[in-house]
Amino acid sequence: MFDAQFEGLRRIGEITVSRPSDQLEIDFEPGLLVLDLALTMTDGELCLGLASADSHSAPIVEWPTVDHVVIEATWWAIDEPTLREVRAALEGESIQLGVPLAMNQLLWLVWHDYVDVDASVLSQISGNSNVSSRTREFDAGLLSATLYPYQVSGATYLTSIVEQGLGALLADEMGLGKTMQALYVVSQLARASKSTALIVVPASTLANWEREFAKFARDLTVTSHVGSRRTGDHRALSRFNVVLTTYETATRDQTMLQMIDWSVVILDEAQSIKNRDSRRSAAVKQLRTQAAIAITGTPIENSLTDLWSIFEFLAPDHLGSLTEFQSRFPDNEMAAEQLSRRVAPLVIRRSVASVATDLPERVDIVTPIYVDAQIARSYEDARTTGHTAPLALLTKLRQICAGSAGADDDLLVASPKFARLREILEGLGSDGSKALIFSSFIDSIDALAHSVRELFPNMFVATVDGRSSPAERQAIIDDFSAHVGASVLVLNPRAAGVGLNIQAANYVIHFTPEWNPAIVAQASARSHRRGQHKPVFVYYLYYVDTVEDVMMSRLDIKRRLQTAGLSSASDEPGQSDLIAALAISPSGSFH
């Protein structure tokens, strides 16, 4: 039965349609049905269909060939000429309705405004589900590690993007193990390809990358292209699965590095290229690579153009020219939301809160760092000259590593350890997290507090040490806890390591190691205790081939012995510790 009928042709809006057959028992809807392209999941695959706000039926996965459609026993007029034009454009990109989309096809649809990637789609494509059947199954035996569920989905998603010759931004929040996901991608590529992967890192994270590969990807051949003894022959680098280098070295050696066709180029702390006019930005963007990955927890620091510069490295044509980008995406909230949808298929971004159920209550992150030339000289001068008593010399060497041996604040800020601290603190601003920084020396505490205030003027920054009374300490902690936004407390582990509850902080950073593991444990427990509702991330920063390296090794041994009840705690090094600490030298290891 018809709700309405007409003879011959009829004009509905701007469209002329033919009369529906009176042989069908269907309802007739006199209005025009507007069909739009829509993303849909079919059998676990992301596909394209036609849908309408006026119809709640499933998307259509075949192109209409006449001027009307029948949906659930209702006849609708449609704008078939316009749909024919859309179909021709999509078929030019080999895109079909109902057929799983490849990542480059999804990007094309987003860029040309055919589809909008909303939150429901994001939850399925950003590291949590397949985009196409090309996504590999996770290989649990590839690394000598057990990844968290969100790392598994992120690693497989990254691999699928890279294998399609595209770029991706891994923007998980600080502490969520972005390095491990990158290791998986590189290992997967090494198994399938003879090409070499290049990883460009800040000098402050080079030692950590080296040790992560040595610990979790032992089957790969890895070399660090840094220092005065690095090779000048690009063919020598091509013999390895992985080449690690720093931004400074990549800038100096860009001509040689451009001679290699890399399987993938990975940038750690990729906010380092946010300035498109900088030499380092230009150097890495000119590298020849089959795919690219940028890793940063803070892809936008000052302006939306920060993200544009990163994407110029990842997918040079995806966001257009800088002039077009600035016109289309000015620095405001609405533009930021539009931009996030446009780049969504190439971005993996998980917050600590969103994956908290995957994480343990506490995550310990040991962070080795190479000294620079200036610290190496100061350290060696102190270690090899004069007749200082061994224990006093040991303290002097520790102070040099802490940036507190009579040096001014500028030297501390320029140090590799402070560079890593700064990278960690930059991640606090994204969600207003709070951090505790523990240092053993008063002048180091003052220098750290002053330098953090200078770099992050909007942060709450205060100190707690032996110069403040117990009542003053509690008042400072109360202010720290009550402050809305990113906050930092710089503390002495002995003065603030016992009897204080600071559950407002979920980041703990040990800027200087201690000989006694009980002091370290008690300091970390200021945050990781009953009443803490977030995962706690505990960082241990130390310099390689210095007294701090010996302290970290002995700390681990002492911790295991104390756990077994076999050793008493001591604040002083034993004789063997003393000998090892005074013998070790960073002079041959700085980069």
Protein backbone atom coordinates (compact mmCIF):
# COMPACT_ATOMS: atom_id res chain seq x y z
CA MET A 1 0.00 0.00 0.00
CA PHE A 2 1.24 3.48 -0.89
CA ASP A 3 1.24 6.51 1.38
CA ALA A 4 1.26 8.55 -1.82
CA GLN A 5 1.45 8.00 -5.58
CA PHE A 6 2.17 10.07 -8.68
CA GLU A 7 2.18 9.60 -12.43
CA GLY A 8 5.21 9.92 -14.72
CA LEU A 9 8.14 11.96 -13.37
CA ARG A 10 8.14 14.05 -10.22
CA ARG A 11 10.53 16.72 -8.98
CA ILE A 12 11.61 16.29 -5.35
CA GLY A 13 13.79 19.20 -4.33
CA GLU A 14 16.37 19.55 -7.09
CA ILE A 15 16.01 15.92 -8.22
CA THR A 16 13.60 14.47 -10.83
CA VAL A 17 12.62 10.87 -10.10
CA SER A 18 10.37 8.27 -11.70
CA ARG A 19 7.18 6.90 -10.19
CA PRO A 20 7.64 3.82 -7.96
CA SER A 21 6.07 0.61 -9.18
CA ASP A 22 2.54 0.00 -7.97
CA GLN A 23 3.27 -3.73 -8.02
CA LEU A 24 5.26 -3.49 -4.78
CA GLU A 25 3.74 -3.44 -1.34
CA ILE A 26 5.94 -0.74 0.07
CA ASP A 27 5.60 2.61 1.77
CA PHE A 28 6.41 5.65 -0.31
CA GLU A 29 8.45 8.44 1.27
CA PRO A 30 8.02 11.64 -0.78
CA GLY A 31 11.19 13.31 0.54
CA LEU A 32 14.74 12.95 -0.76
CA LEU A 33 17.02 10.52 1.09
CA VAL A 34 20.48 11.99 1.53
CA LEU A 35 23.10 9.26 1.49
CA ASP A 36 26.57 9.96 2.88
CA LEU A 37 29.72 7.86 3.01
CA ALA A 38 30.21 6.25 6.42
CA LEU A 39 32.83 4.05 8.05
CA THR A 40 31.62 0.75 9.41
CA MET A 41 33.16 -2.37 10.91
CA THR A 42 32.33 -5.56 9.00
CA ASP A 43 33.71 -8.87 10.30
CA GLY A 44 36.42 -6.99 12.17
CA GLU A 45 37.44 -4.95 9.12
CA LEU A 46 37.00 -1.23 8.55
CA CYS A 47 34.86 -0.73 5.44
CA LEU A 48 32.97 2.02 3.64
CA GLY A 49 29.21 2.16 3.15
CA LEU A 50 26.34 4.56 2.40
CA ALA A 51 24.20 5.72 5.32
CA SER A 52 21.60 8.37 6.06
CA ALA A 53 20.45 10.19 9.17
CA ASP A 54 16.85 9.59 7.99
CA SER A 55 17.26 5.82 7.99
CA HIS A 56 18.44 3.70 10.90
CA SER A 57 19.17 0.66 8.81
CA ALA A 58 22.61 -0.78 8.23
CA PRO A 59 24.82 1.07 5.71
CA ILE A 60 24.34 0.18 2.05
CA VAL A 61 27.40 -1.57 0.60
CA GLU A 62 26.42 -1.49 -3.09
CA TRP A 63 26.18 1.60 -5.28
CA PRO A 64 22.60 2.44 -6.39
CA THR A 65 22.25 2.39 -10.18
CA VAL A 66 18.83 4.10 -10.40
CA ASP A 67 17.29 7.22 -8.94
CA HIS A 68 15.75 5.54 -5.92
CA VAL A 69 16.35 2.89 -3.27
CA VAL A 70 14.12 0.65 -1.23
CA ILE A 71 15.21 0.34 2.39
CA GLU A 72 13.24 -1.88 4.77
CA ALA A 73 10.10 -1.76 2.61
CA THR A 74 10.26 2.02 2.14
CA TRP A 75 10.85 3.68 -1.25
CA TRP A 76 13.16 6.69 -1.23
CA ALA A 77 14.25 9.06 -3.96
CA ILE A 78 18.01 9.69 -4.08
CA ASP A 79 20.42 12.05 -5.82
CA GLU A 80 21.89 9.39 -8.12
CA PRO A 81 23.92 11.79 -10.34
CA THR A 82 25.85 13.08 -7.33
CA LEU A 83 26.42 9.57 -6.05
CA ARG A 84 27.71 8.62 -9.50
CA GLU A 85 30.33 11.38 -9.28
CA VAL A 86 31.40 10.27 -5.79
CA ARG A 87 31.65 6.68 -6.97
CA ALA A 88 33.90 7.66 -9.88
CA ALA A 89 36.21 9.60 -7.52
CA LEU A 90 36.48 6.67 -5.09
CA GLU A 91 37.02 4.07 -7.77
CA GLY A 92 39.89 6.21 -9.01
CA GLU A 93 41.54 5.36 -5.67
CA SER A 94 40.44 1.68 -5.91
CA ILE A 95 37.98 2.20 -3.06
CA GLN A 96 34.88 0.01 -3.09
CA LEU A 97 31.87 -0.14 -0.79
CA GLY A 98 31.96 -3.05 1.62
CA VAL A 99 35.61 -3.86 0.89
CA PRO A 100 38.21 -3.50 3.71
CA LEU A 101 40.05 -0.20 3.53
CA ALA A 102 43.81 0.07 3.38
CA MET A 103 45.34 2.81 5.51
CA ASN A 104 46.28 5.02 2.55
CA GLN A 105 42.67 4.80 1.31
CA LEU A 106 41.34 5.83 4.71
CA LEU A 107 43.72 8.79 4.75
CA TRP A 108 42.55 9.84 1.30
CA LEU A 109 38.90 9.74 2.41
CA VAL A 110 39.65 11.80 5.51
CA TRP A 111 41.76 14.38 3.69
CA HIS A 112 39.12 14.93 0.99
CA ASP A 113 36.36 15.24 3.62
CA TYR A 114 34.44 12.20 2.42
CA VAL A 115 34.38 10.73 5.94
CA ASP A 116 34.86 12.03 9.46
CA VAL A 117 36.77 9.90 11.95
CA ASP A 118 34.78 10.23 15.17
CA ALA A 119 35.50 8.81 18.62
CA SER A 120 33.69 5.53 17.99
CA VAL A 121 35.84 4.84 14.93
CA LEU A 122 38.99 5.99 16.70
CA SER A 123 38.46 3.42 19.44
CA GLN A 124 38.56 0.74 16.77
CA ILE A 125 41.44 1.92 14.58
CA SER A 126 43.96 3.61 16.90
CA GLY A 127 45.87 0.61 18.06
CA ASN A 128 42.87 -1.42 19.22
CA SER A 129 41.69 -3.18 16.07
CA ASN A 130 42.54 -3.93 12.48
CA VAL A 131 42.27 -1.28 9.81
CA SER A 132 42.58 -3.89 7.14
CA SER A 133 43.31 -7.57 6.85
CA ARG A 134 46.96 -6.66 6.19
CA THR A 135 47.53 -6.15 9.92
CA ARG A 136 49.87 -8.84 11.22
CA GLU A 137 49.08 -11.09 14.14
CA PHE A 138 51.18 -10.27 17.18
CA ASP A 139 54.29 -12.44 17.49
CA ALA A 140 54.83 -12.94 21.21
CA GLY A 141 58.24 -14.56 20.62
CA LEU A 142 59.76 -11.64 18.74
CA LEU A 143 60.99 -9.81 21.88
CA SER A 144 62.34 -11.18 25.16
CA ALA A 145 59.58 -9.37 27.01
CA THR A 146 55.90 -9.57 27.82
CA LEU A 147 54.06 -6.54 26.50
CA TYR A 148 50.96 -5.06 28.10
CA PRO A 149 47.74 -5.49 26.09
CA TYR A 150 47.74 -1.86 24.90
CA GLN A 151 51.37 -2.26 23.79
CA VAL A 152 50.44 -5.36 21.80
CA SER A 153 47.68 -3.51 19.93
CA GLY A 154 49.89 -0.48 19.41
CA ALA A 155 52.83 -2.52 18.12
CA THR A 156 50.72 -4.49 15.63
CA TYR A 157 48.96 -1.33 14.45
CA LEU A 158 52.30 0.44 13.92
CA THR A 159 53.60 -2.56 12.01
CA SER A 160 50.58 -2.57 9.69
CA ILE A 161 51.04 1.13 8.92
CA VAL A 162 54.77 0.80 8.30
CA GLU A 163 54.31 -2.22 6.04
CA GLN A 164 52.01 -0.10 3.87
CA GLY A 165 54.83 2.42 3.43
CA LEU A 166 53.16 5.07 5.57
CA GLY A 167 54.13 7.09 8.63
CA ALA A 168 52.71 7.00 12.15
CA LEU A 169 52.84 9.09 15.31
CA LEU A 170 53.15 7.13 18.56
CA ALA A 171 51.99 9.67 21.14
CA ASP A 172 51.22 7.58 24.22
CA GLU A 173 51.57 9.46 27.48
CA MET A 174 54.83 9.37 29.38
CA GLY A 175 55.70 6.08 31.04
CA LEU A 176 53.58 3.81 28.84
CA GLY A 177 56.48 2.09 27.09
CA LYS A 178 56.66 3.66 23.64
CA THR A 179 60.22 2.37 23.15
CA MET A 180 59.11 -1.25 23.53
CA GLN A 181 56.48 -0.86 20.82
CA ALA A 182 59.10 0.61 18.47
CA LEU A 183 61.44 -2.31 19.22
CA TYR A 184 58.72 -4.70 18.11
CA VAL A 185 58.23 -2.87 14.78
CA VAL A 186 61.97 -2.83 14.07
CA SER A 187 62.26 -6.53 14.94
CA GLN A 188 59.37 -7.37 12.63
CA LEU A 189 60.94 -5.41 9.77
CA ALA A 190 64.35 -6.99 10.36
CA ARG A 191 62.80 -10.42 10.01
CA ALA A 192 61.11 -9.53 6.72
CA SER A 193 63.68 -7.21 5.13
CA LYS A 194 67.40 -6.85 4.58
CA SER A 195 67.16 -3.08 4.87
CA THR A 196 68.45 -1.21 7.90
CA ALA A 197 66.35 0.79 10.36
CA LEU A 198 67.56 4.19 11.57
CA ILE A 199 66.55 5.50 15.00
CA VAL A 200 67.35 9.14 15.78
CA VAL A 201 67.30 10.00 19.49
CA PRO A 202 68.31 12.79 21.89
CA ALA A 203 71.73 12.18 23.40
CA SER A 204 70.01 11.78 26.78
CA THR A 205 68.14 8.63 25.67
CA LEU A 206 70.84 6.93 23.56
CA ALA A 207 72.16 4.69 26.35
CA ASN A 208 68.64 3.60 27.23
CA TRP A 209 67.88 2.58 23.61
CA GLU A 210 71.16 0.61 23.48
CA ARG A 211 70.32 -1.31 26.62
CA GLU A 212 66.71 -1.95 25.59
CA PHE A 213 67.89 -3.55 22.35
CA ALA A 214 70.55 -5.58 24.20
CA LYS A 215 68.00 -6.80 26.72
CA PHE A 216 64.87 -7.38 24.66
CA ALA A 217 65.98 -7.79 21.01
CA ARG A 218 69.24 -9.70 21.28
CA ASP A 219 68.91 -11.28 17.83
CA LEU A 220 69.29 -7.91 16.10
CA THR A 221 72.62 -6.40 15.13
CA VAL A 222 72.73 -2.83 16.46
CA THR A 223 75.35 -0.10 16.17
CA SER A 224 75.52 3.43 17.56
CA HIS A 225 76.67 5.96 14.96
CA VAL A 226 78.00 8.61 17.33
CA GLY A 227 81.25 10.05 18.60
CA SER A 228 84.57 10.88 16.99
CA ARG A 229 85.24 7.27 15.98
CA ARG A 230 82.04 6.77 13.97
CA THR A 231 82.37 5.45 10.43
CA GLY A 232 82.34 7.65 7.35
CA ASP A 233 81.30 4.77 5.07
CA HIS A 234 77.55 4.36 4.60
CA ARG A 235 78.07 0.75 3.47
CA ALA A 236 79.37 -0.13 6.94
CA LEU A 237 76.09 1.01 8.48
CA SER A 238 74.03 -1.03 6.03
CA ARG A 239 75.45 -4.24 7.48
CA PHE A 240 73.43 -3.78 10.67
CA ASN A 241 69.73 -4.33 11.37
CA VAL A 242 69.55 -1.10 13.36
CA VAL A 243 71.56 2.11 13.47
CA LEU A 244 71.15 4.40 16.48
CA THR A 245 72.27 8.02 16.23
CA THR A 246 71.58 11.38 17.84
CA TYR A 247 69.94 14.42 16.30
CA GLU A 248 73.26 16.26 16.40
CA THR A 249 75.09 13.49 14.55
CA ALA A 250 72.25 13.05 12.04
CA THR A 251 72.51 16.75 11.25
CA ARG A 252 76.29 16.66 10.82
CA ASP A 253 76.26 13.42 8.78
CA GLN A 254 73.09 14.03 6.79
CA THR A 255 74.83 13.67 3.40
CA MET A 256 76.11 10.20 4.26
CA LEU A 257 72.87 9.07 5.93
CA GLN A 258 70.93 10.15 2.82
CA MET A 259 72.88 7.55 0.81
CA ILE A 260 71.00 4.71 2.55
CA ASP A 261 67.46 3.61 1.74
CA TRP A 262 66.25 2.91 5.29
CA SER A 263 63.48 0.40 6.00
CA VAL A 264 62.12 2.86 8.56
CA VAL A 265 63.32 6.05 10.23
CA ILE A 266 62.17 6.47 13.82
CA LEU A 267 62.45 9.77 15.69
CA ASP A 268 62.43 9.58 19.49
CA GLU A 269 61.21 12.72 21.29
CA ALA A 270 60.02 13.94 17.90
CA GLN A 271 59.01 17.32 19.28
CA SER A 272 62.67 18.04 18.57
CA ILE A 273 61.69 18.78 14.94
CA LYS A 274 58.72 21.05 15.72
CA ASN A 275 60.65 23.98 14.21
CA ARG A 276 60.55 23.22 10.48
CA ASP A 277 63.33 25.76 9.81
CA SER A 278 65.86 24.14 12.14
CA ARG A 279 68.83 22.24 10.69
CA ARG A 280 67.91 19.03 12.50
CA SER A 281 64.36 19.17 11.16
CA ALA A 282 65.58 19.64 7.61
CA ALA A 283 68.19 16.89 7.99
CA VAL A 284 65.81 14.11 9.09
CA LYS A 285 63.12 15.11 6.58
CA GLN A 286 65.55 14.61 3.69
CA LEU A 287 66.39 11.02 4.63
CA ARG A 288 65.32 8.29 2.20
CA THR A 289 63.01 5.85 3.93
CA GLN A 290 60.25 3.39 3.13
CA ALA A 291 58.27 4.37 6.25
CA ALA A 292 58.52 6.68 9.24
CA ILE A 293 57.57 6.72 12.92
CA ALA A 294 57.63 9.72 15.26
CA ILE A 295 57.59 9.08 19.01
CA THR A 296 56.59 11.80 21.44
CA GLY A 297 54.22 12.21 24.35
CA THR A 298 53.95 15.94 23.60
CA PRO A 299 53.38 16.39 19.85
CA ILE A 300 51.91 19.87 20.37
CA GLU A 301 53.83 22.10 22.76
CA ASN A 302 53.19 25.66 21.61
CA SER A 303 51.15 25.67 18.40
CA LEU A 304 49.27 23.35 16.06
CA THR A 305 52.09 23.94 13.58
CA ASP A 306 54.26 21.76 15.85
CA LEU A 307 52.15 18.83 14.67
CA TRP A 308 52.32 20.00 11.06
CA SER A 309 56.14 19.87 11.18
CA ILE A 310 56.08 16.32 12.60
CA PHE A 311 53.65 15.25 9.87
CA GLU A 312 55.85 16.83 7.22
CA PHE A 313 58.29 14.09 8.25
CA LEU A 314 55.67 11.32 8.57
CA ALA A 315 53.35 12.02 5.63
CA PRO A 316 54.56 15.09 3.72
CA ASP A 317 51.40 15.64 1.66
CA HIS A 318 48.77 14.76 4.25
CA LEU A 319 48.37 18.21 5.84
CA GLY A 320 49.18 20.32 2.78
CA SER A 321 51.56 23.27 2.75
CA LEU A 322 52.26 25.26 5.90
CA THR A 323 50.31 28.23 4.50
CA GLU A 324 47.28 26.05 3.77
CA PHE A 325 47.55 24.43 7.16
CA GLN A 326 47.71 27.70 9.10
CA SER A 327 44.71 29.01 7.17
CA ARG A 328 42.67 25.89 7.82
CA PHE A 329 43.82 25.14 11.38
CA PRO A 330 44.39 28.31 13.40
CA ASP A 331 45.40 27.87 17.04
CA ASN A 332 41.98 27.41 18.61
CA GLU A 333 40.05 24.55 20.19
CA MET A 334 37.68 23.94 17.27
CA ALA A 335 40.56 23.71 14.79
CA ALA A 336 42.44 21.40 17.14
CA GLU A 337 39.46 19.02 17.25
CA GLN A 338 39.16 19.06 13.47
CA LEU A 339 42.89 18.43 13.13
CA SER A 340 42.78 15.52 15.56
CA ARG A 341 40.16 13.80 13.40
CA ARG A 342 42.16 14.40 10.25
CA VAL A 343 45.35 12.84 11.59
CA ALA A 344 43.60 10.17 13.69
CA PRO A 345 44.32 7.19 11.41
CA LEU A 346 48.06 7.80 11.75
CA VAL A 347 48.12 8.54 15.48
CA ILE A 348 48.26 6.18 18.44
CA ARG A 349 47.54 8.09 21.63
CA ARG A 350 46.68 6.38 24.92
CA SER A 351 46.53 8.10 28.31
CA VAL A 352 47.62 6.54 31.58
CA ALA A 353 44.01 6.70 32.74
CA SER A 354 42.69 4.86 29.68
CA VAL A 355 45.04 1.88 30.10
CA ALA A 356 45.28 1.88 33.90
CA THR A 357 43.67 -1.56 34.10
CA ASP A 358 46.50 -2.95 31.94
CA LEU A 359 49.23 -1.50 34.15
CA PRO A 360 50.60 -2.69 37.48
CA GLU A 361 50.31 -0.35 40.46
CA ARG A 362 53.93 0.70 39.99
CA VAL A 363 56.21 0.86 36.95
CA ASP A 364 59.98 1.22 37.56
CA ILE A 365 61.96 2.75 34.69
CA VAL A 366 65.76 2.55 34.87
CA THR A 367 67.28 5.24 32.65
CA PRO A 368 71.01 5.10 31.83
CA ILE A 369 72.48 8.29 30.33
CA TYR A 370 75.86 9.06 28.78
CA VAL A 371 77.82 12.02 30.16
CA ASP A 372 78.85 14.81 27.82
CA ALA A 373 82.41 15.98 27.22
CA GLN A 374 82.28 18.68 29.89
CA ILE A 375 81.11 16.34 32.65
CA ALA A 376 83.63 13.71 31.53
CA ARG A 377 86.49 16.23 31.87
CA SER A 378 85.35 17.44 35.30
CA TYR A 379 84.90 13.88 36.48
CA GLU A 380 88.32 12.73 35.28
CA ASP A 381 90.07 15.81 36.69
CA ALA A 382 88.57 15.09 40.10
CA ARG A 383 89.22 11.34 39.91
CA THR A 384 92.85 11.46 38.81
CA THR A 385 94.30 14.56 40.46
CA GLY A 386 94.95 15.52 44.07
CA HIS A 387 95.11 13.36 47.19
CA THR A 388 91.51 13.43 48.36
CA ALA A 389 90.45 10.69 50.78
CA PRO A 390 88.50 7.92 48.99
CA LEU A 391 85.13 8.57 50.64
CA ALA A 392 85.44 12.31 50.13
CA LEU A 393 86.43 11.76 46.49
CA LEU A 394 83.44 9.49 46.02
CA THR A 395 81.16 12.26 47.29
CA LYS A 396 82.86 14.75 44.97
CA LEU A 397 82.26 12.47 41.96
CA ARG A 398 78.61 12.04 42.96
CA GLN A 399 78.24 15.82 43.18
CA ILE A 400 79.66 16.22 39.68
CA CYS A 401 77.07 13.74 38.39
CA ALA A 402 74.34 15.64 40.27
CA GLY A 403 75.42 18.99 38.81
CA SER A 404 76.18 20.29 42.30
CA ALA A 405 79.98 20.43 42.48
CA GLY A 406 80.26 24.20 42.49
CA ALA A 407 78.79 24.49 38.99
CA ASP A 408 76.27 27.18 38.13
CA ASP A 409 72.66 26.49 37.15
CA ASP A 410 73.38 26.97 33.45
CA LEU A 411 75.75 23.99 33.47
CA LEU A 412 73.12 21.85 35.20
CA VAL A 413 70.50 22.81 32.60
CA ALA A 414 72.94 21.92 29.80
CA SER A 415 73.68 18.47 31.23
CA PRO A 416 72.36 15.28 29.60
CA LYS A 417 70.68 14.16 32.83
CA PHE A 418 68.74 17.40 33.15
CA ALA A 419 67.78 17.11 29.46
CA ARG A 420 66.16 13.75 30.25
CA LEU A 421 64.49 15.21 33.34
CA ARG A 422 63.11 18.03 31.23
CA GLU A 423 61.65 15.56 28.72
CA ILE A 424 59.89 13.75 31.56
CA LEU A 425 58.52 16.96 33.08
CA GLU A 426 57.23 18.17 29.71
CA GLY A 427 54.84 15.23 29.82
CA LEU A 428 53.28 16.37 33.09
CA GLY A 429 51.47 19.30 31.52
CA SER A 430 49.22 17.20 29.30
CA ASP A 431 47.10 15.94 32.21
CA GLY A 432 48.21 18.01 35.19
CA SER A 433 50.25 15.23 36.80
CA LYS A 434 52.56 15.81 39.75
CA ALA A 435 56.15 14.66 40.27
CA LEU A 436 58.61 14.17 43.12
CA ILE A 437 62.30 14.69 42.28
CA PHE A 438 64.77 13.27 44.80
CA SER A 439 68.36 14.54 44.99
CA SER A 440 70.98 13.88 47.65
CA PHE A 441 72.64 17.32 47.72
CA ILE A 442 71.27 20.65 48.92
CA ASP A 443 72.84 22.77 46.16
CA SER A 444 71.53 20.30 43.57
CA ILE A 445 68.03 20.61 45.06
CA ASP A 446 68.19 24.41 44.85
CA ALA A 447 69.56 24.35 41.29
CA LEU A 448 66.92 21.87 40.15
CA ALA A 449 64.08 23.86 41.69
CA HIS A 450 65.34 27.12 40.19
CA SER A 451 65.87 25.61 36.73
CA VAL A 452 62.46 23.91 36.66
CA ARG A 453 60.77 27.20 37.64
CA GLU A 454 62.60 28.98 34.84
CA LEU A 455 61.64 26.39 32.23
CA PHE A 456 58.06 25.83 33.41
CA PRO A 457 56.82 29.12 34.90
CA ASN A 458 53.24 27.85 35.22
CA MET A 459 54.21 24.82 37.33
CA PHE A 460 54.00 24.73 41.10
CA VAL A 461 57.59 24.11 42.25
CA ALA A 462 58.77 23.77 45.86
CA THR A 463 61.51 22.08 47.90
CA VAL A 464 61.51 19.87 50.97
CA ASP A 465 64.79 19.15 52.79
CA GLY A 466 66.53 19.43 56.15
CA ARG A 467 66.29 23.23 56.16
CA SER A 468 62.51 23.12 56.70
CA SER A 469 60.81 22.07 59.93
CA PRO A 470 58.34 19.15 59.98
CA ALA A 471 55.42 21.59 60.14
CA GLU A 472 56.78 23.58 57.20
CA ARG A 473 57.27 20.41 55.19
CA GLN A 474 53.66 19.35 55.71
CA ALA A 475 52.39 22.80 54.72
CA ILE A 476 54.43 22.65 51.52
CA ILE A 477 53.08 19.18 50.73
CA ASP A 478 49.52 20.37 51.38
CA ASP A 479 49.99 23.25 48.93
CA PHE A 480 51.54 20.87 46.39
CA SER A 481 48.63 18.44 46.72
CA ALA A 482 45.98 21.16 46.50
CA HIS A 483 47.46 22.88 43.46
CA VAL A 484 45.44 22.31 40.29
CA GLY A 485 47.79 21.51 37.42
CA ALA A 486 51.30 20.18 36.88
CA SER A 487 53.41 20.39 40.03
CA VAL A 488 56.92 19.44 41.17
CA LEU A 489 58.47 18.87 44.57
CA VAL A 490 62.27 18.62 44.78
CA LEU A 491 63.21 16.69 47.90
CA ASN A 492 66.09 15.25 49.88
CA PRO A 493 65.41 11.51 50.26
CA ARG A 494 66.56 11.46 53.89
CA ALA A 495 64.58 14.49 55.02
CA ALA A 496 61.42 13.67 53.06
CA GLY A 497 61.74 9.92 52.59
CA VAL A 498 60.04 8.87 55.83
CA GLY A 499 56.74 9.77 57.46
CA LEU A 500 55.27 11.86 54.65
CA ASN A 501 52.30 10.94 52.49
CA ILE A 502 52.35 12.51 49.01
CA GLN A 503 49.80 10.46 47.07
CA ALA A 504 49.01 13.47 44.88
CA ALA A 505 52.16 12.63 42.90
CA ASN A 506 52.24 9.69 40.54
CA TYR A 507 55.72 10.34 39.08
CA VAL A 508 58.83 9.78 41.19
CA ILE A 509 62.24 10.70 39.74
CA HIS A 510 65.47 9.72 41.48
CA PHE A 511 67.92 12.28 40.11
CA THR A 512 70.80 10.82 42.15
CA PRO A 513 71.24 7.16 43.19
CA GLU A 514 71.79 6.10 46.82
CA TRP A 515 73.98 3.36 48.25
CA ASN A 516 71.21 2.19 50.57
CA PRO A 517 68.21 0.58 48.82
CA ALA A 518 66.03 1.21 51.87
CA ILE A 519 66.38 4.99 51.37
CA VAL A 520 65.35 4.65 47.72
CA ALA A 521 62.41 2.39 48.61
CA GLN A 522 61.19 4.71 51.36
CA ALA A 523 61.44 7.74 49.06
CA SER A 524 59.44 6.00 46.31
CA ALA A 525 56.85 4.95 48.89
CA ARG A 526 55.93 8.60 49.54
CA SER A 527 53.78 8.34 46.43
CA HIS A 528 53.26 4.60 45.96
CA ARG A 529 51.16 3.84 49.04
CA ARG A 530 47.59 3.24 50.18
CA GLY A 531 45.35 6.02 48.90
CA GLN A 532 47.11 6.26 45.51
CA HIS A 533 44.55 5.67 42.77
CA LYS A 534 46.84 6.04 39.75
CA PRO A 535 49.71 3.91 38.45
CA VAL A 536 52.99 5.28 39.83
CA PHE A 537 55.99 5.69 37.50
CA VAL A 538 59.38 5.61 39.22
CA TYR A 539 62.38 6.81 37.17
CA TYR A 540 66.02 6.18 38.08
CA LEU A 541 68.41 8.53 36.22
CA TYR A 542 72.11 7.74 36.30
CA TYR A 543 75.27 8.29 34.27
CA VAL A 544 76.91 5.33 32.53
CA ASP A 545 80.51 4.43 33.50
CA THR A 546 80.53 6.64 36.58
CA VAL A 547 80.16 6.08 40.31
CA GLU A 548 76.40 6.21 39.69
CA ASP A 549 76.64 3.16 37.41
CA VAL A 550 78.37 1.22 40.19
CA MET A 551 75.78 2.44 42.70
CA MET A 552 72.89 1.24 40.52
CA SER A 553 74.51 -2.20 40.09
CA ARG A 554 75.23 -2.54 43.81
CA LEU A 555 71.77 -1.19 44.66
CA ASP A 556 70.14 -3.99 42.73
CA ILE A 557 72.33 -6.62 44.43
CA LYS A 558 71.72 -5.15 47.89
CA ARG A 559 67.98 -4.96 47.24
CA ARG A 560 67.84 -8.65 46.38
CA LEU A 561 69.95 -9.58 49.42
CA GLN A 562 67.85 -7.47 51.77
CA THR A 563 64.69 -9.03 50.40
CA ALA A 564 66.19 -12.41 51.28
CA GLY A 565 67.23 -11.13 54.72
CA LEU A 566 70.93 -11.67 54.00
CA SER A 567 72.31 -8.15 54.28
CA SER A 568 71.79 -5.13 56.49
CA ALA A 569 71.24 -1.69 55.01
CA SER A 570 74.18 0.67 54.83
CA ASP A 571 74.47 4.28 53.75
CA GLU A 572 78.14 3.86 52.88
CA PRO A 573 79.85 1.83 50.13
CA GLY A 574 81.71 -1.36 51.04
CA GLN A 575 85.38 -1.82 50.20
CA SER A 576 84.67 -3.55 46.88
CA ASP A 577 82.16 -0.83 46.00
CA LEU A 578 84.74 1.83 46.75
CA ILE A 579 87.38 0.21 44.56
CA ALA A 580 84.97 -0.26 41.65
CA ALA A 581 83.57 3.26 41.92
CA LEU A 582 86.98 4.94 41.89
CA ALA A 583 88.27 2.80 39.03
CA ILE A 584 85.44 3.36 36.57
CA SER A 585 85.78 6.21 34.07
CA PRO A 586 83.36 7.84 31.63
CA SER A 587 86.13 9.27 29.45
CA GLY A 588 85.72 6.63 26.75
CA SER A 589 81.94 6.47 26.72
CA PHE A 590 80.62 10.02 26.35
CA HIS A 591 78.94 10.96 23.03
